């Protein structure tokens, strides 16, 4: 039974984006990230690029197994244009490139490998234990110093009891979208995973963004199978070195277990 006293209020926005046709999208305020109401969290635009890549010259029996997104500058909360092209197409693999622009400037780049699905007798292998069960409903999450009225509140987050975004990690969270990626259209397993993936280092929270400048320059999502269901579990940790940089590594699970991995390169600097 759901505890409605803890349930989030109805979402303020119907979707992250509205399609304007011809690869153009209007961004809703729900895309705004935790650092500014004017700049998007990288999760929704990552998913928007992934969505276009899935649809680009789609081939039956093929799936996107790995996608890397480069983040050269903040993505503004405004109108966006998406373009995708095929770099290489073979009998079993394809390499795709995508670009997201705002006011004629490149704000996100992507490369993805699309490949033929493996045979049914492929061994089922998983090096990690199954995720913990989905926690009970929780009050809306907070994050010190963050803008909460965009992406953070457009997602439902369930941490381990007594923990949250301000809890030193490594971290673990179950999360789901409260609104669709594009208004009037169903989400896909890939877009749901990408909408969440950029949150990995924040869930890990082993580098304190309140004491240092911490930001990721990229996101890589590798999926060995399609995630099932709206709820996804992310278990994240961080490696860092003095006079170097940092890496955030996340494991992605659904209710049945391991789906893939998330890798982010982190710039660490003085405030």
Protein backbone atom coordinates (compact mmCIF):
# COMPACT_ATOMS: atom_id res chain seq x y z
CA UNK A 1 0.00 0.00 0.00
CA UNK A 2 1.35 3.44 -0.91
CA UNK A 3 1.82 5.96 1.88
CA UNK A 4 0.20 8.98 0.25
CA UNK A 5 1.46 11.25 3.02
CA UNK A 6 4.95 10.84 1.53
CA UNK A 7 4.00 10.90 -2.14
CA UNK A 8 5.35 13.77 -4.23
CA UNK A 9 2.81 16.38 -5.37
CA UNK A 10 1.67 16.24 -8.98
CA UNK A 11 4.47 17.20 -11.40
CA UNK A 12 4.42 20.86 -12.40
CA UNK A 13 5.23 20.06 -16.05
CA UNK A 14 3.86 17.44 -18.43
CA UNK A 15 7.16 16.44 -20.04
CA UNK A 16 10.81 17.38 -20.34
CA UNK A 17 10.37 18.36 -24.01
CA UNK A 18 7.75 19.13 -26.63
CA UNK A 19 8.50 18.17 -30.22
CA UNK A 20 8.38 21.04 -32.71
CA UNK A 21 9.07 18.77 -35.71
CA UNK A 22 12.10 18.49 -38.00
CA UNK A 23 14.46 17.57 -35.12
CA UNK A 24 13.54 20.64 -33.05
CA UNK A 25 12.37 20.54 -29.43
CA UNK A 26 11.10 23.00 -26.89
CA UNK A 27 12.60 22.45 -23.43
CA UNK A 28 10.32 22.70 -20.40
CA UNK A 29 11.50 24.13 -17.03
CA UNK A 30 11.59 20.51 -15.80
CA UNK A 31 14.92 20.07 -17.61
CA UNK A 32 16.67 22.62 -15.36
CA UNK A 33 19.55 21.14 -13.41
CA UNK A 34 20.47 21.59 -9.75
CA UNK A 35 22.94 24.44 -10.38
CA UNK A 36 20.77 26.89 -12.33
CA UNK A 37 17.20 27.39 -13.52
CA UNK A 38 18.63 28.44 -16.90
CA UNK A 39 20.83 25.39 -17.60
CA UNK A 40 19.66 21.83 -18.11
CA UNK A 41 20.68 18.76 -16.18
CA UNK A 42 22.53 16.60 -18.71
CA UNK A 43 20.15 13.66 -18.22
CA UNK A 44 17.19 14.84 -20.34
CA UNK A 45 19.27 16.12 -23.32
CA UNK A 46 21.33 12.91 -23.22
CA UNK A 47 18.10 10.96 -23.51
CA UNK A 48 16.91 13.24 -26.33
CA UNK A 49 20.04 12.42 -28.34
CA UNK A 50 19.64 8.72 -27.52
CA UNK A 51 16.02 8.84 -28.69
CA UNK A 52 17.02 10.29 -32.06
CA UNK A 53 19.82 7.74 -32.43
CA UNK A 54 17.41 4.87 -31.80
CA UNK A 55 15.10 6.21 -34.50
CA UNK A 56 17.80 7.02 -37.05
CA UNK A 57 17.71 4.44 -39.87
CA UNK A 58 16.50 1.87 -37.34
CA UNK A 59 17.21 -1.78 -38.16
CA UNK A 60 15.18 -4.71 -36.75
CA UNK A 61 17.17 -6.81 -34.30
CA UNK A 62 19.69 -4.01 -33.56
CA UNK A 63 20.08 -2.14 -30.26
CA UNK A 64 22.29 0.63 -28.91
CA UNK A 65 24.81 -1.06 -26.62
CA UNK A 66 27.05 1.91 -25.78
CA UNK A 67 26.66 5.67 -25.99
CA UNK A 68 29.15 8.36 -24.97
CA UNK A 69 28.02 11.95 -24.56
CA UNK A 70 30.40 14.91 -24.54
CA UNK A 71 29.38 18.08 -22.69
CA UNK A 72 31.36 21.04 -24.14
CA UNK A 73 29.10 23.73 -22.61
CA UNK A 74 25.92 24.02 -20.56
CA UNK A 75 22.68 23.14 -22.34
CA UNK A 76 20.29 26.11 -22.00
CA UNK A 77 16.64 25.69 -21.08
CA UNK A 78 15.32 26.70 -24.50
CA UNK A 79 14.74 25.42 -28.02
CA UNK A 80 17.10 22.66 -29.19
CA UNK A 81 17.87 20.97 -32.49
CA UNK A 82 19.05 17.35 -32.80
CA UNK A 83 20.91 15.86 -35.77
CA UNK A 84 22.17 12.27 -36.19
CA UNK A 85 24.27 10.63 -38.90
CA UNK A 86 25.68 7.17 -39.59
CA UNK A 87 29.49 7.03 -39.49
CA UNK A 88 29.77 3.33 -40.32
CA UNK A 89 27.23 0.62 -41.06
CA UNK A 90 28.14 -3.06 -41.28
CA UNK A 91 26.37 -6.37 -41.15
CA UNK A 92 26.46 -6.57 -37.34
CA UNK A 93 27.51 -3.16 -36.01
CA UNK A 94 26.89 0.50 -36.69
CA UNK A 95 28.60 3.64 -35.40
CA UNK A 96 26.37 6.70 -35.05
CA UNK A 97 27.12 10.34 -34.28
CA UNK A 98 24.73 12.91 -32.88
CA UNK A 99 24.81 16.64 -32.15
CA UNK A 100 22.59 18.85 -30.02
CA UNK A 101 22.61 22.56 -30.81
CA UNK A 102 21.06 25.67 -29.24
CA UNK A 103 21.08 28.99 -31.12
CA UNK A 104 23.49 27.43 -33.61
CA UNK A 105 26.03 26.41 -30.95
CA UNK A 106 26.98 22.81 -30.19
CA UNK A 107 25.98 22.01 -26.61
CA UNK A 108 26.25 18.19 -26.64
CA UNK A 109 27.86 15.55 -28.85
CA UNK A 110 27.31 11.80 -28.88
CA UNK A 111 28.74 8.64 -30.39
CA UNK A 112 26.95 5.32 -30.09
CA UNK A 113 27.51 1.72 -31.13
CA UNK A 114 24.40 0.00 -32.38
CA UNK A 115 24.79 -3.73 -32.79
CA UNK A 116 22.89 -6.90 -33.57
CA UNK A 117 21.36 -8.60 -30.55
CA UNK A 118 23.27 -11.65 -29.31
CA UNK A 119 21.96 -15.22 -29.70
CA UNK A 120 19.48 -16.66 -27.23
CA UNK A 121 22.01 -19.18 -25.86
CA UNK A 122 24.47 -16.47 -24.71
CA UNK A 123 25.40 -17.21 -21.06
CA UNK A 124 23.74 -14.97 -18.47
CA UNK A 125 26.68 -13.50 -16.54
CA UNK A 126 26.65 -10.89 -13.78
CA UNK A 127 29.70 -10.13 -11.61
CA UNK A 128 27.76 -8.09 -9.06
CA UNK A 129 25.13 -9.08 -6.48
CA UNK A 130 21.47 -8.24 -7.05
CA UNK A 131 20.36 -4.75 -6.01
CA UNK A 132 18.51 -4.10 -2.75
CA UNK A 133 14.74 -4.02 -3.01
CA UNK A 134 12.88 -0.83 -3.90
CA UNK A 135 12.44 1.26 -0.73
CA UNK A 136 9.03 2.49 0.38
CA UNK A 137 7.81 5.94 -0.78
CA UNK A 138 9.80 8.84 0.61
CA UNK A 139 9.38 12.58 1.04
CA UNK A 140 10.71 14.70 -1.87
CA UNK A 141 14.51 14.81 -1.84
CA UNK A 142 16.55 17.92 -1.07
CA UNK A 143 20.13 18.89 -1.92
CA UNK A 144 22.01 21.68 -0.14
CA UNK A 145 22.48 24.73 -2.37
CA UNK A 146 20.67 23.14 -5.31
CA UNK A 147 17.83 24.35 -7.53
CA UNK A 148 15.15 21.75 -6.90
CA UNK A 149 12.21 22.83 -9.08
CA UNK A 150 13.52 21.33 -12.33
CA UNK A 151 15.04 17.91 -12.95
CA UNK A 152 15.39 17.00 -9.26
CA UNK A 153 11.65 17.27 -8.64
CA UNK A 154 10.73 15.81 -12.05
CA UNK A 155 12.27 12.52 -10.88
CA UNK A 156 11.21 10.35 -7.95
CA UNK A 157 14.17 9.31 -5.79
CA UNK A 158 14.26 6.58 -3.16
CA UNK A 159 17.53 6.31 -1.23
CA UNK A 160 18.39 3.88 1.50
CA UNK A 161 16.58 4.80 4.71
CA UNK A 162 18.01 7.93 6.30
CA UNK A 163 20.16 8.82 3.29
CA UNK A 164 19.93 11.29 0.41
CA UNK A 165 21.91 13.57 -1.92
CA UNK A 166 23.75 15.17 1.01
CA UNK A 167 24.87 11.83 2.49
CA UNK A 168 28.59 11.06 1.90
CA UNK A 169 28.93 8.05 -0.40
CA UNK A 170 29.38 5.71 -2.11
CA UNK A 171 25.67 5.95 -2.81
CA UNK A 172 22.69 3.94 -3.96
CA UNK A 173 19.30 5.13 -5.20
CA UNK A 174 16.24 3.81 -6.97
CA UNK A 175 14.76 6.42 -9.31
CA UNK A 176 12.12 6.89 -11.99
CA UNK A 177 10.83 9.68 -14.19
CA UNK A 178 7.63 11.33 -13.04
CA UNK A 179 7.06 12.77 -16.52
CA UNK A 180 7.85 11.50 -20.05
CA UNK A 181 10.87 12.64 -22.03
CA UNK A 182 8.78 13.97 -24.94
CA UNK A 183 5.15 15.00 -24.52
CA UNK A 184 2.69 12.47 -25.94
CA UNK A 185 5.32 9.82 -26.69
CA UNK A 186 6.35 6.69 -24.76
CA UNK A 187 9.81 6.44 -23.26
CA UNK A 188 12.17 3.59 -24.17
CA UNK A 189 14.52 1.57 -21.98
CA UNK A 190 17.50 3.50 -23.41
CA UNK A 191 15.99 6.94 -22.82
CA UNK A 192 14.98 6.06 -19.26
CA UNK A 193 18.54 4.93 -18.52
CA UNK A 194 20.06 8.04 -20.11
CA UNK A 195 17.71 10.38 -18.25
CA UNK A 196 19.15 9.00 -15.00
CA UNK A 197 22.77 8.25 -15.94
CA UNK A 198 24.24 11.75 -15.53
CA UNK A 199 23.19 11.72 -11.85
CA UNK A 200 25.72 9.02 -11.01
CA UNK A 201 28.47 11.18 -9.51
CA UNK A 202 25.95 13.19 -7.47
CA UNK A 203 24.54 9.95 -6.03
CA UNK A 204 28.09 8.80 -5.20
CA UNK A 205 28.78 12.15 -3.43
CA UNK A 206 32.37 11.39 -2.40
CA UNK A 207 33.66 14.71 -3.77
CA UNK A 208 31.95 17.62 -2.01
CA UNK A 209 30.73 20.05 -4.69
CA UNK A 210 30.10 22.58 -1.90
CA UNK A 211 33.82 22.76 -1.07
CA UNK A 212 35.32 22.29 -4.54
CA UNK A 213 34.24 22.86 -8.13
CA UNK A 214 33.21 19.43 -9.45
CA UNK A 215 31.66 18.83 -12.86
CA UNK A 216 31.62 15.98 -15.36
CA UNK A 217 32.79 16.50 -18.94
CA UNK A 218 31.16 13.36 -20.35
CA UNK A 219 28.85 10.43 -19.70
CA UNK A 220 29.26 6.88 -21.03
CA UNK A 221 26.41 4.40 -20.69
CA UNK A 222 27.04 0.77 -21.65
CA UNK A 223 24.09 -1.62 -21.55
CA UNK A 224 24.47 -5.37 -22.00
CA UNK A 225 20.68 -5.68 -22.01
CA UNK A 226 17.63 -3.43 -22.12
CA UNK A 227 16.47 -2.25 -18.67
CA UNK A 228 12.92 -3.34 -17.84
CA UNK A 229 10.36 -1.18 -16.04
CA UNK A 230 10.22 2.45 -14.97
CA UNK A 231 12.29 2.04 -11.79
CA UNK A 232 16.09 1.82 -12.10
CA UNK A 233 18.68 1.34 -9.37
CA UNK A 234 22.03 3.11 -9.51
CA UNK A 235 24.95 2.22 -7.23
CA UNK A 236 27.75 4.75 -7.63
CA UNK A 237 31.28 5.34 -6.33
CA UNK A 238 34.19 7.66 -7.13
CA UNK A 239 37.94 7.35 -7.72
CA UNK A 240 40.10 10.49 -7.52
CA UNK A 241 43.76 11.50 -7.31
CA UNK A 242 45.58 14.66 -6.16
CA UNK A 243 46.80 16.73 -9.13
CA UNK A 244 44.68 14.54 -11.40
CA UNK A 245 40.96 14.25 -11.97
CA UNK A 246 38.22 11.87 -10.88
CA UNK A 247 36.05 9.08 -12.23
CA UNK A 248 32.52 8.24 -11.15
CA UNK A 249 31.48 4.65 -11.80
CA UNK A 250 27.88 3.55 -11.59
CA UNK A 251 26.20 0.19 -11.86
CA UNK A 252 22.70 0.22 -13.33
CA UNK A 253 20.12 -2.37 -12.32
CA UNK A 254 16.43 -2.98 -12.77
CA UNK A 255 14.27 -5.22 -10.58
CA UNK A 256 15.82 -8.30 -12.24
CA UNK A 257 19.44 -7.24 -11.70
CA UNK A 258 22.43 -5.95 -13.65
CA UNK A 259 21.84 -4.00 -16.88
CA UNK A 260 25.04 -2.05 -17.44
CA UNK A 261 27.58 0.55 -16.32
CA UNK A 262 27.94 4.34 -16.22
CA UNK A 263 31.30 6.18 -16.40
CA UNK A 264 31.87 9.91 -15.94
CA UNK A 265 35.11 11.88 -16.08
CA UNK A 266 35.11 14.62 -13.41
CA UNK A 267 36.96 17.92 -13.42
CA UNK A 268 37.93 18.88 -9.87
CA UNK A 269 39.11 22.44 -9.20
CA UNK A 270 39.18 25.16 -6.55
CA UNK A 271 36.06 27.28 -6.17
